[in-house]
């Protein structure tokens, strides 16, 4: 088995920056789709919920399923738990809740 080391601060920052860049692009696309379907007024009213939905989808489809986020892949880092390199569902959910702003 390959040697596992902690990610450096620079790798973690780069990973987070890359994830934020992709999340911004995805949020913009989701807003455009919602605006074309629902109209501007509804999108403005539900902006926080759409952003939360986008974050939950992004991290749910990556972290919760045991895959790297695009930022982690870019920085060549991998989240692990005590049992090995794949996240379990409970630890994945905790990670998602930490990564998203659920304080409405």
PDB file of N, CA and C in Angstrom:
ATOM      1  N   UNK A   1       0.837  -1.179   0.000  1.00  0.00           N
ATOM      2  CA  UNK A   1       0.000   0.000   0.000  1.00  0.00           C
ATOM      3  C   UNK A   1       0.881   1.240   0.000  1.00  0.00           C
ATOM      4  N   UNK A   2       0.476   2.249  -0.711  1.00  0.00           N
ATOM      5  CA  UNK A   2       1.247   3.476  -0.824  1.00  0.00           C
ATOM      6  C   UNK A   2       1.257   4.226   0.503  1.00  0.00           C
ATOM      7  N   UNK A   3       2.317   4.945   0.720  1.00  0.00           N
ATOM      8  CA  UNK A   3       2.453   5.743   1.933  1.00  0.00           C
ATOM      9  C   UNK A   3       1.460   6.903   1.887  1.00  0.00           C
ATOM     10  N   UNK A   4       0.729   7.105   2.975  1.00  0.00           N
ATOM     11  CA  UNK A   4      -0.236   8.198   3.065  1.00  0.00           C
ATOM     12  C   UNK A   4       0.386   9.306   3.894  1.00  0.00           C
ATOM     13  N   UNK A   5       0.295  10.539   3.401  1.00  0.00           N
ATOM     14  CA  UNK A   5       0.809  11.683   4.145  1.00  0.00           C
ATOM     15  C   UNK A   5      -0.284  12.739   4.216  1.00  0.00           C
ATOM     16  N   UNK A   6      -0.176  13.598   5.203  1.00  0.00           N
ATOM     17  CA  UNK A   6      -1.124  14.696   5.317  1.00  0.00           C
ATOM     18  C   UNK A   6      -0.896  15.685   4.189  1.00  0.00           C
ATOM     19  N   UNK A   7      -1.997  16.271   3.704  1.00  0.00           N
ATOM     20  CA  UNK A   7      -1.873  17.296   2.681  1.00  0.00           C
ATOM     21  C   UNK A   7      -1.298  18.574   3.274  1.00  0.00           C
ATOM     22  N   UNK A   8      -0.483  19.266   2.505  1.00  0.00           N
ATOM     23  CA  UNK A   8       0.083  20.526   2.989  1.00  0.00           C
ATOM     24  C   UNK A   8      -0.993  21.614   2.956  1.00  0.00           C
ATOM     25  N   UNK A   9      -0.730  22.691   3.654  1.00  0.00           N
ATOM     26  CA  UNK A   9      -1.684  23.801   3.662  1.00  0.00           C
ATOM     27  C   UNK A   9      -1.912  24.326   2.252  1.00  0.00           C
ATOM     28  N   UNK A  10      -0.856  24.427   1.472  1.00  0.00           N
ATOM     29  CA  UNK A  10      -0.971  24.930   0.104  1.00  0.00           C
ATOM     30  C   UNK A  10      -1.865  24.019  -0.739  1.00  0.00           C
ATOM     31  N   UNK A  11      -1.722  22.715  -0.580  1.00  0.00           N
ATOM     32  CA  UNK A  11      -2.566  21.776  -1.334  1.00  0.00           C
ATOM     33  C   UNK A  11      -4.030  21.905  -0.934  1.00  0.00           C
ATOM     34  N   UNK A  12      -4.264  22.065   0.359  1.00  0.00           N
ATOM     35  CA  UNK A  12      -5.636  22.209   0.840  1.00  0.00           C
ATOM     36  C   UNK A  12      -6.257  23.514   0.358  1.00  0.00           C
ATOM     37  N   UNK A  13      -5.492  24.585   0.365  1.00  0.00           N
ATOM     38  CA  UNK A  13      -5.993  25.880  -0.115  1.00  0.00           C
ATOM     39  C   UNK A  13      -6.283  25.811  -1.612  1.00  0.00           C
ATOM     40  N   UNK A  14      -5.358  25.236  -2.389  1.00  0.00           N
ATOM     41  CA  UNK A  14      -5.573  25.093  -3.833  1.00  0.00           C
ATOM     42  C   UNK A  14      -6.814  24.250  -4.117  1.00  0.00           C
ATOM     43  N   UNK A  15      -6.980  23.179  -3.364  1.00  0.00           N
ATOM     44  CA  UNK A  15      -8.145  22.317  -3.534  1.00  0.00           C
ATOM     45  C   UNK A  15      -9.434  23.082  -3.266  1.00  0.00           C
ATOM     46  N   UNK A  16      -9.454  23.824  -2.170  1.00  0.00           N
ATOM     47  CA  UNK A  16     -10.636  24.610  -1.830  1.00  0.00           C
ATOM     48  C   UNK A  16     -10.912  25.687  -2.878  1.00  0.00           C
ATOM     49  N   UNK A  17      -9.868  26.365  -3.339  1.00  0.00           N
ATOM     50  CA  UNK A  17     -10.048  27.397  -4.360  1.00  0.00           C
ATOM     51  C   UNK A  17     -10.608  26.801  -5.651  1.00  0.00           C
ATOM     52  N   UNK A  18     -10.106  25.642  -6.036  1.00  0.00           N
ATOM     53  CA  UNK A  18     -10.582  24.997  -7.262  1.00  0.00           C
ATOM     54  C   UNK A  18     -12.037  24.571  -7.099  1.00  0.00           C
ATOM     55  N   UNK A  19     -12.390  24.005  -5.929  1.00  0.00           N
ATOM     56  CA  UNK A  19     -13.779  23.627  -5.678  1.00  0.00           C
ATOM     57  C   UNK A  19     -14.689  24.852  -5.723  1.00  0.00           C
ATOM     58  N   UNK A  20     -14.250  25.967  -5.142  1.00  0.00           N
ATOM     59  CA  UNK A  20     -15.054  27.186  -5.166  1.00  0.00           C
ATOM     60  C   UNK A  20     -15.237  27.717  -6.586  1.00  0.00           C
ATOM     61  N   UNK A  21     -14.195  27.590  -7.399  1.00  0.00           N
ATOM     62  CA  UNK A  21     -14.304  28.009  -8.805  1.00  0.00           C
ATOM     63  C   UNK A  21     -15.343  27.172  -9.536  1.00  0.00           C
ATOM     64  N   UNK A  22     -15.266  25.862  -9.375  1.00  0.00           N
ATOM     65  CA  UNK A  22     -16.243  24.986 -10.033  1.00  0.00           C
ATOM     66  C   UNK A  22     -17.644  25.191  -9.477  1.00  0.00           C
ATOM     67  N   UNK A  23     -17.758  25.362  -8.157  1.00  0.00           N
ATOM     68  CA  UNK A  23     -19.069  25.607  -7.566  1.00  0.00           C
ATOM     69  C   UNK A  23     -19.680  26.895  -8.089  1.00  0.00           C
ATOM     70  N   UNK A  24     -18.879  27.920  -8.257  1.00  0.00           N
ATOM     71  CA  UNK A  24     -19.367  29.188  -8.802  1.00  0.00           C
ATOM     72  C   UNK A  24     -19.915  28.991 -10.216  1.00  0.00           C
ATOM     73  N   UNK A  25     -19.202  28.239 -11.030  1.00  0.00           N
ATOM     74  CA  UNK A  25     -19.658  27.973 -12.395  1.00  0.00           C
ATOM     75  C   UNK A  25     -20.943  27.150 -12.398  1.00  0.00           C
ATOM     76  N   UNK A  26     -21.012  26.151 -11.538  1.00  0.00           N
ATOM     77  CA  UNK A  26     -22.207  25.305 -11.474  1.00  0.00           C
ATOM     78  C   UNK A  26     -23.395  26.103 -10.950  1.00  0.00           C
ATOM     79  N   UNK A  27     -23.171  26.937  -9.921  1.00  0.00           N
ATOM     80  CA  UNK A  27     -24.252  27.785  -9.399  1.00  0.00           C
ATOM     81  C   UNK A  27     -24.795  28.705 -10.483  1.00  0.00           C
ATOM     82  N   UNK A  28     -23.903  29.266 -11.279  1.00  0.00           N
ATOM     83  CA  UNK A  28     -24.323  30.149 -12.367  1.00  0.00           C
ATOM     84  C   UNK A  28     -25.196  29.400 -13.374  1.00  0.00           C
ATOM     85  N   UNK A  29     -24.785  28.189 -13.718  1.00  0.00           N
ATOM     86  CA  UNK A  29     -25.576  27.385 -14.649  1.00  0.00           C
ATOM     87  C   UNK A  29     -26.936  27.011 -14.055  1.00  0.00           C
ATOM     88  N   UNK A  30     -26.950  26.624 -12.778  1.00  0.00           N
ATOM     89  CA  UNK A  30     -28.217  26.285 -12.113  1.00  0.00           C
ATOM     90  C   UNK A  30     -29.122  27.506 -12.056  1.00  0.00           C
ATOM     91  N   UNK A  31     -28.558  28.681 -11.757  1.00  0.00           N
ATOM     92  CA  UNK A  31     -29.358  29.902 -11.739  1.00  0.00           C
ATOM     93  C   UNK A  31     -29.926  30.231 -13.115  1.00  0.00           C
ATOM     94  N   UNK A  32     -29.121  30.054 -14.159  1.00  0.00           N
ATOM     95  CA  UNK A  32     -29.604  30.306 -15.517  1.00  0.00           C
ATOM     96  C   UNK A  32     -30.753  29.375 -15.879  1.00  0.00           C
ATOM     97  N   UNK A  33     -30.612  28.102 -15.525  1.00  0.00           N
ATOM     98  CA  UNK A  33     -31.672  27.129 -15.815  1.00  0.00           C
ATOM     99  C   UNK A  33     -32.924  27.459 -15.021  1.00  0.00           C
ATOM    100  N   UNK A  34     -32.763  27.750 -13.737  1.00  0.00           N
ATOM    101  CA  UNK A  34     -33.911  28.089 -12.897  1.00  0.00           C
ATOM    102  C   UNK A  34     -34.579  29.365 -13.380  1.00  0.00           C
ATOM    103  N   UNK A  35     -33.790  30.330 -13.816  1.00  0.00           N
ATOM    104  CA  UNK A  35     -34.356  31.585 -14.313  1.00  0.00           C
ATOM    105  C   UNK A  35     -35.160  31.364 -15.579  1.00  0.00           C
ATOM    106  N   UNK A  36     -34.679  30.508 -16.455  1.00  0.00           N
ATOM    107  CA  UNK A  36     -35.431  30.246 -17.688  1.00  0.00           C
ATOM    108  C   UNK A  36     -36.705  29.452 -17.415  1.00  0.00           C
ATOM    109  N   UNK A  37     -36.709  28.634 -16.362  1.00  0.00           N
ATOM    110  CA  UNK A  37     -37.895  27.840 -16.031  1.00  0.00           C
ATOM    111  C   UNK A  37     -38.879  28.575 -15.126  1.00  0.00           C
ATOM    112  N   UNK A  38     -38.364  29.317 -14.148  1.00  0.00           N
ATOM    113  CA  UNK A  38     -39.207  29.908 -13.110  1.00  0.00           C
ATOM    114  C   UNK A  38     -39.364  31.419 -13.209  1.00  0.00           C
ATOM    115  N   UNK A  39     -38.424  32.080 -13.846  1.00  0.00           N
ATOM    116  CA  UNK A  39     -38.445  33.533 -13.913  1.00  0.00           C
ATOM    117  C   UNK A  39     -37.513  34.141 -12.880  1.00  0.00           C
ATOM    118  N   UNK A  40     -37.163  35.401 -13.124  1.00  0.00           N
ATOM    119  CA  UNK A  40     -36.183  36.093 -12.295  1.00  0.00           C
ATOM    120  C   UNK A  40     -36.683  36.255 -10.855  1.00  0.00           C
ATOM    121  N   UNK A  41     -37.937  36.618 -10.691  1.00  0.00           N
ATOM    122  CA  UNK A  41     -38.472  36.889  -9.361  1.00  0.00           C
ATOM    123  C   UNK A  41     -38.333  35.684  -8.437  1.00  0.00           C
ATOM    124  N   UNK A  42     -38.661  34.507  -8.949  1.00  0.00           N
ATOM    125  CA  UNK A  42     -38.558  33.298  -8.126  1.00  0.00           C
ATOM    126  C   UNK A  42     -37.109  32.914  -7.842  1.00  0.00           C
ATOM    127  N   UNK A  43     -36.238  33.124  -8.807  1.00  0.00           N
ATOM    128  CA  UNK A  43     -34.819  32.798  -8.606  1.00  0.00           C
ATOM    129  C   UNK A  43     -34.218  33.706  -7.538  1.00  0.00           C
ATOM    130  N   UNK A  44     -34.555  34.993  -7.561  1.00  0.00           N
ATOM    131  CA  UNK A  44     -34.053  35.913  -6.539  1.00  0.00           C
ATOM    132  C   UNK A  44     -34.581  35.510  -5.163  1.00  0.00           C
ATOM    133  N   UNK A  45     -35.847  35.133  -5.119  1.00  0.00           N
ATOM    134  CA  UNK A  45     -36.465  34.732  -3.847  1.00  0.00           C
ATOM    135  C   UNK A  45     -35.828  33.469  -3.278  1.00  0.00           C
ATOM    136  N   UNK A  46     -35.462  32.525  -4.136  1.00  0.00           N
ATOM    137  CA  UNK A  46     -34.944  31.223  -3.716  1.00  0.00           C
ATOM    138  C   UNK A  46     -33.431  31.088  -3.927  1.00  0.00           C
ATOM    139  N   UNK A  47     -32.717  32.213  -4.005  1.00  0.00           N
ATOM    140  CA  UNK A  47     -31.283  32.201  -4.302  1.00  0.00           C
ATOM    141  C   UNK A  47     -30.477  31.369  -3.298  1.00  0.00           C
ATOM    142  N   UNK A  48     -30.721  31.539  -2.025  1.00  0.00           N
ATOM    143  CA  UNK A  48     -29.962  30.792  -1.009  1.00  0.00           C
ATOM    144  C   UNK A  48     -30.239  29.300  -1.099  1.00  0.00           C
ATOM    145  N   UNK A  49     -31.487  28.940  -1.330  1.00  0.00           N
ATOM    146  CA  UNK A  49     -31.832  27.517  -1.439  1.00  0.00           C
ATOM    147  C   UNK A  49     -31.226  26.895  -2.689  1.00  0.00           C
ATOM    148  N   UNK A  50     -31.203  27.637  -3.793  1.00  0.00           N
ATOM    149  CA  UNK A  50     -30.570  27.125  -5.014  1.00  0.00           C
ATOM    150  C   UNK A  50     -29.067  26.929  -4.806  1.00  0.00           C
ATOM    151  N   UNK A  51     -28.441  27.863  -4.101  1.00  0.00           N
ATOM    152  CA  UNK A  51     -27.019  27.737  -3.813  1.00  0.00           C
ATOM    153  C   UNK A  51     -26.753  26.524  -2.922  1.00  0.00           C
ATOM    154  N   UNK A  52     -27.569  26.348  -1.892  1.00  0.00           N
ATOM    155  CA  UNK A  52     -27.430  25.188  -1.006  1.00  0.00           C
ATOM    156  C   UNK A  52     -27.662  23.885  -1.774  1.00  0.00           C
ATOM    157  N   UNK A  53     -28.677  23.866  -2.636  1.00  0.00           N
ATOM    158  CA  UNK A  53     -28.962  22.689  -3.467  1.00  0.00           C
ATOM    159  C   UNK A  53     -27.761  22.347  -4.339  1.00  0.00           C
ATOM    160  N   UNK A  54     -27.171  23.360  -4.949  1.00  0.00           N
ATOM    161  CA  UNK A  54     -26.005  23.142  -5.808  1.00  0.00           C
ATOM    162  C   UNK A  54     -24.831  22.580  -5.013  1.00  0.00           C
ATOM    163  N   UNK A  55     -24.567  23.166  -3.836  1.00  0.00           N
ATOM    164  CA  UNK A  55     -23.476  22.674  -2.992  1.00  0.00           C
ATOM    165  C   UNK A  55     -23.711  21.232  -2.560  1.00  0.00           C
ATOM    166  N   UNK A  56     -24.935  20.935  -2.139  1.00  0.00           N
ATOM    167  CA  UNK A  56     -25.261  19.576  -1.692  1.00  0.00           C
ATOM    168  C   UNK A  56     -25.119  18.575  -2.846  1.00  0.00           C
ATOM    169  N   UNK A  57     -25.535  18.958  -4.030  1.00  0.00           N
ATOM    170  CA  UNK A  57     -25.375  18.068  -5.188  1.00  0.00           C
ATOM    171  C   UNK A  57     -23.900  17.835  -5.503  1.00  0.00           C
ATOM    172  N   UNK A  58     -23.120  18.908  -5.531  1.00  0.00           N
ATOM    173  CA  UNK A  58     -21.697  18.790  -5.859  1.00  0.00           C
ATOM    174  C   UNK A  58     -20.972  17.895  -4.861  1.00  0.00           C
ATOM    175  N   UNK A  59     -21.137  18.203  -3.572  1.00  0.00           N
ATOM    176  CA  UNK A  59     -20.433  17.412  -2.566  1.00  0.00           C
ATOM    177  C   UNK A  59     -21.083  16.045  -2.363  1.00  0.00           C
ATOM    178  N   UNK A  60     -22.381  15.950  -2.585  1.00  0.00           N
ATOM    179  CA  UNK A  60     -23.065  14.660  -2.462  1.00  0.00           C
ATOM    180  C   UNK A  60     -22.643  13.686  -3.542  1.00  0.00           C
ATOM    181  N   UNK A  61     -22.490  14.195  -4.767  1.00  0.00           N
ATOM    182  CA  UNK A  61     -22.099  13.327  -5.877  1.00  0.00           C
ATOM    183  C   UNK A  61     -20.617  12.976  -5.858  1.00  0.00           C
ATOM    184  N   UNK A  62     -19.845  13.694  -5.063  1.00  0.00           N
ATOM    185  CA  UNK A  62     -18.419  13.381  -4.987  1.00  0.00           C
ATOM    186  C   UNK A  62     -18.092  12.745  -3.640  1.00  0.00           C
ATOM    187  N   UNK A  63     -18.108  13.524  -2.601  1.00  0.00           N
ATOM    188  CA  UNK A  63     -17.677  13.068  -1.277  1.00  0.00           C
ATOM    189  C   UNK A  63     -18.522  11.912  -0.759  1.00  0.00           C
ATOM    190  N   UNK A  64     -19.839  12.046  -0.857  1.00  0.00           N
ATOM    191  CA  UNK A  64     -20.722  11.019  -0.297  1.00  0.00           C
ATOM    192  C   UNK A  64     -20.597   9.694  -1.053  1.00  0.00           C
ATOM    193  N   UNK A  65     -20.286   9.766  -2.312  1.00  0.00           N
ATOM    194  CA  UNK A  65     -20.132   8.542  -3.113  1.00  0.00           C
ATOM    195  C   UNK A  65     -18.716   7.979  -3.037  1.00  0.00           C
ATOM    196  N   UNK A  66     -17.854   8.642  -2.279  1.00  0.00           N
ATOM    197  CA  UNK A  66     -16.492   8.139  -2.111  1.00  0.00           C
ATOM    198  C   UNK A  66     -15.527   8.594  -3.179  1.00  0.00           C
ATOM    199  N   UNK A  67     -15.893   9.605  -3.960  1.00  0.00           N
ATOM    200  CA  UNK A  67     -15.014  10.120  -5.006  1.00  0.00           C
ATOM    201  C   UNK A  67     -14.366  11.420  -4.560  1.00  0.00           C
ATOM    202  N   UNK A  68     -13.302  11.802  -5.239  1.00  0.00           N
ATOM    203  CA  UNK A  68     -12.649  13.078  -4.968  1.00  0.00           C
ATOM    204  C   UNK A  68     -13.477  14.202  -5.579  1.00  0.00           C
ATOM    205  N   UNK A  69     -13.450  15.374  -4.937  1.00  0.00           N
ATOM    206  CA  UNK A  69     -14.007  16.555  -5.588  1.00  0.00           C
ATOM    207  C   UNK A  69     -13.039  16.961  -6.691  1.00  0.00           C
ATOM    208  N   UNK A  70     -13.455  17.855  -7.550  1.00  0.00           N
ATOM    209  CA  UNK A  70     -12.567  18.301  -8.622  1.00  0.00           C
ATOM    210  C   UNK A  70     -11.345  19.021  -8.056  1.00  0.00           C
ATOM    211  N   UNK A  71     -11.528  19.755  -6.962  1.00  0.00           N
ATOM    212  CA  UNK A  71     -10.390  20.423  -6.324  1.00  0.00           C
ATOM    213  C   UNK A  71      -9.407  19.438  -5.726  1.00  0.00           C
ATOM    214  N   UNK A  72      -9.926  18.386  -5.097  1.00  0.00           N
ATOM    215  CA  UNK A  72      -9.046  17.352  -4.531  1.00  0.00           C
ATOM    216  C   UNK A  72      -8.295  16.630  -5.638  1.00  0.00           C
ATOM    217  N   UNK A  73      -8.979  16.350  -6.719  1.00  0.00           N
ATOM    218  CA  UNK A  73      -8.326  15.686  -7.844  1.00  0.00           C
ATOM    219  C   UNK A  73      -7.243  16.580  -8.438  1.00  0.00           C
ATOM    220  N   UNK A  74      -7.539  17.864  -8.573  1.00  0.00           N
ATOM    221  CA  UNK A  74      -6.569  18.824  -9.109  1.00  0.00           C
ATOM    222  C   UNK A  74      -5.318  18.894  -8.235  1.00  0.00           C
ATOM    223  N   UNK A  75      -5.535  18.885  -6.916  1.00  0.00           N
ATOM    224  CA  UNK A  75      -4.410  19.001  -5.974  1.00  0.00           C
ATOM    225  C   UNK A  75      -3.799  17.662  -5.609  1.00  0.00           C
ATOM    226  N   UNK A  76      -4.360  16.594  -6.135  1.00  0.00           N
ATOM    227  CA  UNK A  76      -3.867  15.237  -5.875  1.00  0.00           C
ATOM    228  C   UNK A  76      -3.904  14.911  -4.382  1.00  0.00           C
ATOM    229  N   UNK A  77      -5.042  15.239  -3.749  1.00  0.00           N
ATOM    230  CA  UNK A  77      -5.232  14.871  -2.356  1.00  0.00           C
ATOM    231  C   UNK A  77      -6.462  13.979  -2.258  1.00  0.00           C
ATOM    232  N   UNK A  78      -6.548  13.226  -1.192  1.00  0.00           N
ATOM    233  CA  UNK A  78      -7.628  12.264  -1.010  1.00  0.00           C
ATOM    234  C   UNK A  78      -8.090  12.299   0.437  1.00  0.00           C
ATOM    235  N   UNK A  79      -9.394  12.392   0.643  1.00  0.00           N
ATOM    236  CA  UNK A  79      -9.929  12.327   1.996  1.00  0.00           C
ATOM    237  C   UNK A  79      -9.934  10.871   2.433  1.00  0.00           C
ATOM    238  N   UNK A  80      -9.558  10.648   3.679  1.00  0.00           N
ATOM    239  CA  UNK A  80      -9.573   9.281   4.193  1.00  0.00           C
ATOM    240  C   UNK A  80     -10.211   9.268   5.574  1.00  0.00           C
ATOM    241  N   UNK A  81     -10.709   8.109   5.945  1.00  0.00           N
ATOM    242  CA  UNK A  81     -11.143   7.916   7.328  1.00  0.00           C
ATOM    243  C   UNK A  81     -10.260   6.836   7.933  1.00  0.00           C
ATOM    244  N   UNK A  82     -10.557   6.406   9.123  1.00  0.00           N
ATOM    245  CA  UNK A  82      -9.687   5.460   9.832  1.00  0.00           C
ATOM    246  C   UNK A  82      -9.572   4.108   9.144  1.00  0.00           C
ATOM    247  N   UNK A  83     -10.599   3.726   8.384  1.00  0.00           N
ATOM    248  CA  UNK A  83     -10.582   2.403   7.762  1.00  0.00           C
ATOM    249  C   UNK A  83      -9.851   2.376   6.417  1.00  0.00           C
ATOM    250  N   UNK A  84      -9.587   3.530   5.833  1.00  0.00           N
ATOM    251  CA  UNK A  84      -8.894   3.529   4.559  1.00  0.00           C
ATOM    252  C   UNK A  84      -9.207   4.754   3.733  1.00  0.00           C
ATOM    253  N   UNK A  85      -8.857   4.719   2.433  1.00  0.00           N
ATOM    254  CA  UNK A  85      -8.968   5.903   1.599  1.00  0.00           C
ATOM    255  C   UNK A  85     -10.379   6.250   1.121  1.00  0.00           C
ATOM    256  N   UNK A  86     -11.367   5.438   1.369  1.00  0.00           N
ATOM    257  CA  UNK A  86     -12.723   5.769   0.937  1.00  0.00           C
ATOM    258  C   UNK A  86     -13.525   6.264   2.125  1.00  0.00           C
ATOM    259  N   UNK A  87     -14.274   7.300   1.902  1.00  0.00           N
ATOM    260  CA  UNK A  87     -15.124   7.817   2.964  1.00  0.00           C
ATOM    261  C   UNK A  87     -16.378   6.965   3.085  1.00  0.00           C
ATOM    262  N   UNK A  88     -16.809   6.749   4.303  1.00  0.00           N
ATOM    263  CA  UNK A  88     -18.062   6.054   4.523  1.00  0.00           C
ATOM    264  C   UNK A  88     -19.195   7.068   4.456  1.00  0.00           C
ATOM    265  N   UNK A  89     -20.412   6.602   4.305  1.00  0.00           N
ATOM    266  CA  UNK A  89     -21.554   7.498   4.176  1.00  0.00           C
ATOM    267  C   UNK A  89     -21.685   8.449   5.360  1.00  0.00           C
ATOM    268  N   UNK A  90     -21.626   7.992   6.617  1.00  0.00           N
ATOM    269  CA  UNK A  90     -21.748   8.952   7.729  1.00  0.00           C
ATOM    270  C   UNK A  90     -20.654  10.019   7.739  1.00  0.00           C
ATOM    271  N   UNK A  91     -19.401   9.617   7.517  1.00  0.00           N
ATOM    272  CA  UNK A  91     -18.338  10.617   7.517  1.00  0.00           C
ATOM    273  C   UNK A  91     -18.439  11.519   6.296  1.00  0.00           C
ATOM    274  N   UNK A  92     -18.948  10.989   5.192  1.00  0.00           N
ATOM    275  CA  UNK A  92     -19.172  11.810   4.003  1.00  0.00           C
ATOM    276  C   UNK A  92     -20.237  12.852   4.242  1.00  0.00           C
ATOM    277  N   UNK A  93     -21.310  12.475   4.947  1.00  0.00           N
ATOM    278  CA  UNK A  93     -22.371  13.435   5.257  1.00  0.00           C
ATOM    279  C   UNK A  93     -21.867  14.535   6.181  1.00  0.00           C
ATOM    280  N   UNK A  94     -21.069  14.169   7.153  1.00  0.00           N
ATOM    281  CA  UNK A  94     -20.489  15.176   8.056  1.00  0.00           C
ATOM    282  C   UNK A  94     -19.616  16.133   7.262  1.00  0.00           C
ATOM    283  N   UNK A  95     -18.822  15.605   6.352  1.00  0.00           N
ATOM    284  CA  UNK A  95     -17.962  16.446   5.530  1.00  0.00           C
ATOM    285  C   UNK A  95     -18.781  17.396   4.662  1.00  0.00           C
ATOM    286  N   UNK A  96     -19.879  16.917   4.108  1.00  0.00           N
ATOM    287  CA  UNK A  96     -20.742  17.769   3.290  1.00  0.00           C
ATOM    288  C   UNK A  96     -21.349  18.880   4.132  1.00  0.00           C
ATOM    289  N   UNK A  97     -21.822  18.546   5.313  1.00  0.00           N
ATOM    290  CA  UNK A  97     -22.428  19.555   6.171  1.00  0.00           C
ATOM    291  C   UNK A  97     -21.415  20.615   6.586  1.00  0.00           C
ATOM    292  N   UNK A  98     -20.155  20.224   6.767  1.00  0.00           N
ATOM    293  CA  UNK A  98     -19.112  21.201   7.078  1.00  0.00           C
ATOM    294  C   UNK A  98     -18.817  22.088   5.878  1.00  0.00           C
ATOM    295  N   UNK A  99     -18.956  21.535   4.665  1.00  0.00           N
ATOM    296  CA  UNK A  99     -18.572  22.261   3.455  1.00  0.00           C
ATOM    297  C   UNK A  99     -19.663  23.216   2.969  1.00  0.00           C
ATOM    298  N   UNK A 100     -20.896  22.987   3.377  1.00  0.00           N
ATOM    299  CA  UNK A 100     -21.999  23.811   2.897  1.00  0.00           C
ATOM    300  C   UNK A 100     -22.523  24.692   4.010  1.00  0.00           C
ATOM    301  N   UNK A 101     -23.144  25.760   3.622  1.00  0.00           N
ATOM    302  CA  UNK A 101     -23.717  26.702   4.583  1.00  0.00           C
ATOM    303  C   UNK A 101     -25.190  26.324   4.783  1.00  0.00           C
ATOM    304  N   UNK A 102     -25.470  25.586   5.834  1.00  0.00           N
ATOM    305  CA  UNK A 102     -26.855  25.151   6.097  1.00  0.00           C
ATOM    306  C   UNK A 102     -27.504  25.970   7.194  1.00  0.00           C
ATOM    307  N   UNK A 103     -26.978  27.136   7.468  1.00  0.00           N
ATOM    308  CA  UNK A 103     -27.510  27.972   8.544  1.00  0.00           C
ATOM    309  C   UNK A 103     -28.488  29.000   7.980  1.00  0.00           C
ATOM    310  N   UNK A 104     -29.623  28.545   7.522  1.00  0.00           N
ATOM    311  CA  UNK A 104     -30.650  29.480   7.031  1.00  0.00           C
ATOM    312  C   UNK A 104     -31.468  29.920   8.214  1.00  0.00           C
TER     313      UNK A 104
END
